[in-house]
Structures are given as C-alpha cells and as structure tokens.
C-alpha cells in the first residue's frame, strides 16, 4: 500500500522557536506510533525565516520539508524573494508552488509558476504544485476547465519522468470551514489522474486541500486518487496534525 502524504502549510505562522518546538514534539509523538512512517509521508512547509530551524531538526529523520514559495531564478537582484538553490542547500526536497494565496493575493501567473516548476526540477527537487477554482468558477461549472488549464500551462515543458505532487485546492474551501463534497472531490481527482496519466506522467500523486480536519480526513482518504492532504490551520498543532495523519 502506498504511503499517504500529509503536507503541512504553516503559511505566515510560527517563529523559528515555535517551528523547532513543533518538530521536536512531532518527532517525539511519531516515535510512539509503531510503523508511522511506513504509512505516512510528512512534509512541512514553514515560512522562510523558519526554514533553517526546521532543516536542522529534521536532519536524519523521515520528515520532508521545503519553502512555501521560490523565485524563478536562483540568485540576482530580486529583493525579498526566496532562492530554490538556497533551499536545496538547507536540504529541502520539496517546493510548494502556486498556492491559491500566491495566485490570488500576489497575482502569480501560470507562466511564472511554470518557470518555478521547471527550476525546481532542474535542481532535483519535487514540486507540490497547487491548482484550484474559485467560487465564481465553481458556480459557473468551470472547475475542470480551470484546473486542467492551470496544469497545462503550469507544467509545460516539464520532465514527465520525475515525481510530481499536485494539490487540488478549491479556493472557496480554504480556511472557510467549507469542504468540497465527496462527489466533487472524486470527480476532480479522477479527471486529474486520467489527464496526467494520458499525458505520460510516470509518478503523480494527488493531494486534496481545503479545510481538511480530523473529522473529515478519513472520509476524504477513501476517495480514489486522494493520495493525501495539503493541510493549513489543522497543521499548526501537532495534536490535530497527527489526528489527520492517523486516519491513514
């Protein structure tokens, strides 16, 4: 049975000290659970200021991590941006790309996200590539059209033999307490899987993100091609994060 992926997106939360405390507690608690990492793959996405703290404490463990965002070039006169090369030097294995907040608030375009994905692959890292529709698009019946277009433009020119993690996040469900129905999630994940396989991607895993909590995780994990979650608020505390992981 393939491992389920549980990715924690801390967004703009946690000081380095709080990040260290989280990782220490996570290591202590997972040590008590027999075979935890045989069933679960854990990825942490801290803020940039806390990345080194997470890197230090995750060294030698099965806990993966990476930055929430990178720039499309490794270095240069790009004040305020994050370097994927620096993230790699801190032993990051993953890069979060295209989160809805980056798309909506910071107006990142598909072409920009494509550059970030290609750079991530060039460095031998794995993208957790986010897609999803807003409420207006959902109500207009454009969910699949929007998601497939974001994939097509964002992954253009990518190496299809490399591992790829795609996170489907209905924007209207993020942080709102609303969750897409089982039928809605199943429809989108089935279509995403079929589309990526038909295009020749050799290793694709699909995450669901959008107000995932301990009380809805088990039901969502039963859906075909839901290979895990991208978790926001419920991943800020070790207790609730592990309650979700334990549904695997």
Protein backbone atom coordinates (compact mmCIF):
# COMPACT_ATOMS: atom_id res chain seq x y z
CA UNK A 1 0.00 0.00 0.00
CA UNK A 2 1.44 3.39 -1.00
CA UNK A 3 2.14 5.91 1.71
CA UNK A 4 -0.31 8.75 2.17
CA UNK A 5 1.19 12.24 2.05
CA UNK A 6 0.47 14.77 4.78
CA UNK A 7 1.84 18.20 3.90
CA UNK A 8 1.62 20.99 6.47
CA UNK A 9 1.45 24.51 5.07
CA UNK A 10 2.13 26.83 8.01
CA UNK A 11 1.63 29.95 5.89
CA UNK A 12 2.71 33.12 7.74
CA UNK A 13 2.77 31.46 11.15
CA UNK A 14 5.39 30.22 13.64
CA UNK A 15 8.62 31.82 14.78
CA UNK A 16 11.78 29.72 14.41
CA UNK A 17 11.43 28.77 18.07
CA UNK A 18 7.83 27.67 17.56
CA UNK A 19 8.87 25.72 14.47
CA UNK A 20 11.57 23.94 16.46
CA UNK A 21 9.08 23.10 19.20
CA UNK A 22 6.66 21.66 16.63
CA UNK A 23 9.30 19.42 15.03
CA UNK A 24 10.59 18.20 18.40
CA UNK A 25 7.06 17.32 19.52
CA UNK A 26 6.29 15.72 16.16
CA UNK A 27 9.38 13.51 16.37
CA UNK A 28 8.55 12.52 19.94
CA UNK A 29 4.96 11.64 19.12
CA UNK A 30 5.61 9.76 15.87
CA UNK A 31 8.28 7.71 17.65
CA UNK A 32 5.49 6.32 19.85
CA UNK A 33 3.40 5.20 16.85
CA UNK A 34 4.63 1.88 15.51
CA UNK A 35 5.26 1.95 11.76
CA UNK A 36 4.12 5.56 11.39
CA UNK A 37 6.48 6.43 8.56
CA UNK A 38 5.71 3.16 6.80
CA UNK A 39 2.21 4.52 6.16
CA UNK A 40 2.70 8.28 6.17
CA UNK A 41 4.96 10.69 4.33
CA UNK A 42 5.18 14.01 6.18
CA UNK A 43 6.19 17.28 4.51
CA UNK A 44 6.48 20.61 6.35
CA UNK A 45 6.27 23.97 4.61
CA UNK A 46 7.45 26.62 7.11
CA UNK A 47 7.85 30.32 6.43
CA UNK A 48 11.23 31.37 5.05
CA UNK A 49 12.53 32.61 8.42
CA UNK A 50 11.87 29.20 9.98
CA UNK A 51 13.22 27.01 7.18
CA UNK A 52 16.70 26.64 8.67
CA UNK A 53 15.27 25.74 12.09
CA UNK A 54 13.15 23.02 10.52
CA UNK A 55 16.09 21.83 8.42
CA UNK A 56 18.32 21.39 11.46
CA UNK A 57 15.80 19.38 13.44
CA UNK A 58 14.59 17.26 10.53
CA UNK A 59 18.13 16.16 9.60
CA UNK A 60 18.39 12.38 9.73
CA UNK A 61 14.63 11.89 10.02
CA UNK A 62 11.92 10.81 7.57
CA UNK A 63 10.29 14.26 7.77
CA UNK A 64 10.48 16.19 4.50
CA UNK A 65 10.26 19.95 4.17
CA UNK A 66 10.70 22.91 1.87
CA UNK A 67 9.79 26.57 1.31
CA UNK A 68 6.30 27.85 0.59
CA UNK A 69 7.49 29.82 -2.41
CA UNK A 70 10.58 30.43 -4.57
CA UNK A 71 11.58 32.83 -7.28
CA UNK A 72 12.09 31.58 -10.83
CA UNK A 73 15.84 32.31 -10.68
CA UNK A 74 18.35 31.10 -8.13
CA UNK A 75 20.08 34.42 -7.46
CA UNK A 76 20.32 38.04 -8.57
CA UNK A 77 18.78 41.44 -7.89
CA UNK A 78 15.40 40.14 -6.69
CA UNK A 79 14.92 41.73 -3.30
CA UNK A 80 12.58 39.86 -0.99
CA UNK A 81 12.44 36.63 -2.97
CA UNK A 82 13.44 33.09 -1.94
CA UNK A 83 16.10 31.05 -3.69
CA UNK A 84 15.43 27.41 -4.55
CA UNK A 85 19.17 26.82 -4.61
CA UNK A 86 19.47 28.07 -1.03
CA UNK A 87 16.50 25.91 -0.06
CA UNK A 88 18.31 22.90 -1.53
CA UNK A 89 21.46 23.79 0.41
CA UNK A 90 19.31 23.56 3.55
CA UNK A 91 18.38 20.01 2.46
CA UNK A 92 14.89 20.87 1.23
CA UNK A 93 13.41 18.18 -1.01
CA UNK A 94 10.12 19.89 -1.85
CA UNK A 95 8.90 23.26 -3.11
CA UNK A 96 5.32 24.48 -2.72
CA UNK A 97 4.28 26.17 -5.96
CA UNK A 98 1.12 28.01 -6.98
CA UNK A 99 -0.83 28.02 -3.73
CA UNK A 100 -4.11 29.85 -4.21
CA UNK A 101 -2.93 32.67 -1.98
CA UNK A 102 0.07 33.19 -4.25
CA UNK A 103 -2.23 33.19 -7.27
CA UNK A 104 -4.98 35.34 -5.75
CA UNK A 105 -3.16 37.79 -3.47
CA UNK A 106 0.19 38.08 -5.22
CA UNK A 107 -1.17 37.67 -8.76
CA UNK A 108 1.26 34.96 -9.80
CA UNK A 109 0.51 33.92 -13.36
CA UNK A 110 0.65 30.44 -14.85
CA UNK A 111 3.77 31.39 -16.81
CA UNK A 112 5.56 32.40 -13.60
CA UNK A 113 4.59 29.17 -11.88
CA UNK A 114 5.79 27.20 -14.87
CA UNK A 115 9.25 28.76 -14.54
CA UNK A 116 9.31 27.87 -10.86
CA UNK A 117 8.33 24.28 -11.56
CA UNK A 118 11.00 23.88 -14.24
CA UNK A 119 13.66 25.33 -11.93
CA UNK A 120 12.56 23.01 -9.14
CA UNK A 121 13.01 20.01 -11.43
CA UNK A 122 16.40 21.25 -12.65
CA UNK A 123 17.61 21.24 -9.05
CA UNK A 124 16.36 17.70 -8.46
CA UNK A 125 13.60 18.80 -6.10
CA UNK A 126 9.91 17.86 -6.12
CA UNK A 127 7.11 20.32 -6.73
CA UNK A 128 3.90 20.28 -4.76
CA UNK A 129 2.00 22.10 -7.49
CA UNK A 130 -1.28 23.69 -6.45
CA UNK A 131 -4.35 24.19 -8.62
CA UNK A 132 -7.98 25.03 -7.94
CA UNK A 133 -11.04 27.05 -8.84
CA UNK A 134 -12.67 29.97 -7.03
CA UNK A 135 -16.35 30.12 -6.07
CA UNK A 136 -17.40 32.01 -9.19
CA UNK A 137 -15.72 29.43 -11.41
CA UNK A 138 -17.25 26.56 -9.44
CA UNK A 139 -20.75 28.01 -9.74
CA UNK A 140 -20.24 28.56 -13.46
CA UNK A 141 -19.40 24.88 -13.91
CA UNK A 142 -15.82 25.63 -14.92
CA UNK A 143 -13.98 23.64 -12.23
CA UNK A 144 -12.41 21.05 -14.53
CA UNK A 145 -11.72 23.59 -17.26
CA UNK A 146 -9.85 25.85 -14.82
CA UNK A 147 -7.90 23.05 -13.14
CA UNK A 148 -6.81 21.40 -16.37
CA UNK A 149 -5.76 24.76 -17.84
CA UNK A 150 -3.66 25.52 -14.77
CA UNK A 151 -1.97 22.14 -15.11
CA UNK A 152 -1.40 22.51 -18.85
CA UNK A 153 0.20 25.95 -18.53
CA UNK A 154 2.00 25.36 -15.27
CA UNK A 155 3.65 22.08 -16.25
CA UNK A 156 4.55 22.99 -19.83
CA UNK A 157 7.94 21.61 -20.81
CA UNK A 158 8.33 19.59 -17.60
CA UNK A 159 10.20 16.32 -17.29
CA UNK A 160 7.37 13.80 -17.06
CA UNK A 161 9.57 11.06 -15.65
CA UNK A 162 10.18 12.96 -12.41
CA UNK A 163 7.99 12.73 -9.34
CA UNK A 164 5.15 15.24 -9.28
CA UNK A 165 2.72 16.04 -6.48
CA UNK A 166 -0.39 18.01 -7.46
CA UNK A 167 -2.56 19.58 -4.75
CA UNK A 168 -6.15 20.31 -5.69
CA UNK A 169 -7.45 23.18 -3.57
CA UNK A 170 -10.93 24.53 -4.23
CA UNK A 171 -10.22 28.16 -3.34
CA UNK A 172 -13.68 28.64 -1.87
CA UNK A 173 -12.97 25.92 0.71
CA UNK A 174 -9.61 27.16 2.01
CA UNK A 175 -9.86 28.47 5.55
CA UNK A 176 -13.63 28.86 5.26
CA UNK A 177 -14.69 25.70 7.04
CA UNK A 178 -16.40 24.59 3.83
CA UNK A 179 -15.30 21.30 2.29
CA UNK A 180 -15.99 20.04 -1.19
CA UNK A 181 -18.36 17.08 -1.17
CA UNK A 182 -17.02 13.58 -1.65
CA UNK A 183 -18.58 13.55 -5.10
CA UNK A 184 -16.95 16.85 -6.07
CA UNK A 185 -13.50 15.75 -4.89
CA UNK A 186 -13.87 12.34 -6.53
CA UNK A 187 -14.81 13.87 -9.87
CA UNK A 188 -11.87 16.28 -9.94
CA UNK A 189 -9.26 13.80 -8.71
CA UNK A 190 -10.38 11.14 -11.18
CA UNK A 191 -10.13 13.62 -14.05
CA UNK A 192 -6.74 14.95 -12.93
CA UNK A 193 -5.37 11.43 -12.65
CA UNK A 194 -6.68 10.41 -16.05
CA UNK A 195 -5.34 13.58 -17.68
CA UNK A 196 -1.85 13.32 -16.20
CA UNK A 197 -1.53 9.62 -16.96
CA UNK A 198 -2.69 10.19 -20.54
CA UNK A 199 -0.01 12.85 -20.94
CA UNK A 200 2.70 10.44 -19.85
CA UNK A 201 3.48 11.48 -16.28
CA UNK A 202 5.13 8.49 -14.68
CA UNK A 203 4.87 9.32 -10.97
CA UNK A 204 1.97 11.53 -9.92
CA UNK A 205 0.31 11.83 -6.53
CA UNK A 206 -2.77 13.95 -5.87
CA UNK A 207 -3.46 15.81 -2.63
CA UNK A 208 -6.67 17.46 -1.52
CA UNK A 209 -6.52 20.80 0.30
CA UNK A 210 -9.36 22.87 1.65
CA UNK A 211 -10.38 22.92 5.33
CA UNK A 212 -9.11 19.39 5.99
CA UNK A 213 -9.68 18.48 9.64
CA UNK A 214 -9.52 15.34 11.80
CA UNK A 215 -13.27 14.85 11.50
CA UNK A 216 -13.39 14.78 7.68
CA UNK A 217 -9.99 13.28 6.84
CA UNK A 218 -10.97 9.61 6.96
CA UNK A 219 -13.87 10.07 4.54
CA UNK A 220 -11.73 12.05 2.10
CA UNK A 221 -8.92 9.48 2.18
CA UNK A 222 -11.32 6.79 0.96
CA UNK A 223 -11.74 8.60 -2.36
CA UNK A 224 -9.87 7.15 -5.32
CA UNK A 225 -6.71 9.11 -6.15
CA UNK A 226 -6.72 11.15 -2.96
CA UNK A 227 -3.15 10.34 -2.00
CA UNK A 228 -3.06 12.66 0.99
CA UNK A 229 -3.63 16.25 2.02
CA UNK A 230 -2.22 19.75 1.92
CA UNK A 231 -3.25 20.99 5.36
CA UNK A 232 -3.40 24.56 6.63
CA UNK A 233 -4.86 25.54 10.00
CA UNK A 234 -5.15 21.98 11.34
CA UNK A 235 -1.41 21.50 10.76
CA UNK A 236 -0.36 24.28 13.13
CA UNK A 237 -0.69 21.99 16.15
CA UNK A 238 0.99 18.60 16.40
CA UNK A 239 -2.08 17.05 18.02
CA UNK A 240 -4.56 17.90 15.25
CA UNK A 241 -1.98 17.25 12.51
CA UNK A 242 -1.31 13.75 13.84
CA UNK A 243 -5.02 13.08 14.25
CA UNK A 244 -5.30 13.61 10.50
CA UNK A 245 -2.21 11.54 9.72
CA UNK A 246 -3.50 8.66 11.83
CA UNK A 247 -6.51 8.32 9.51
CA UNK A 248 -4.08 6.58 7.15
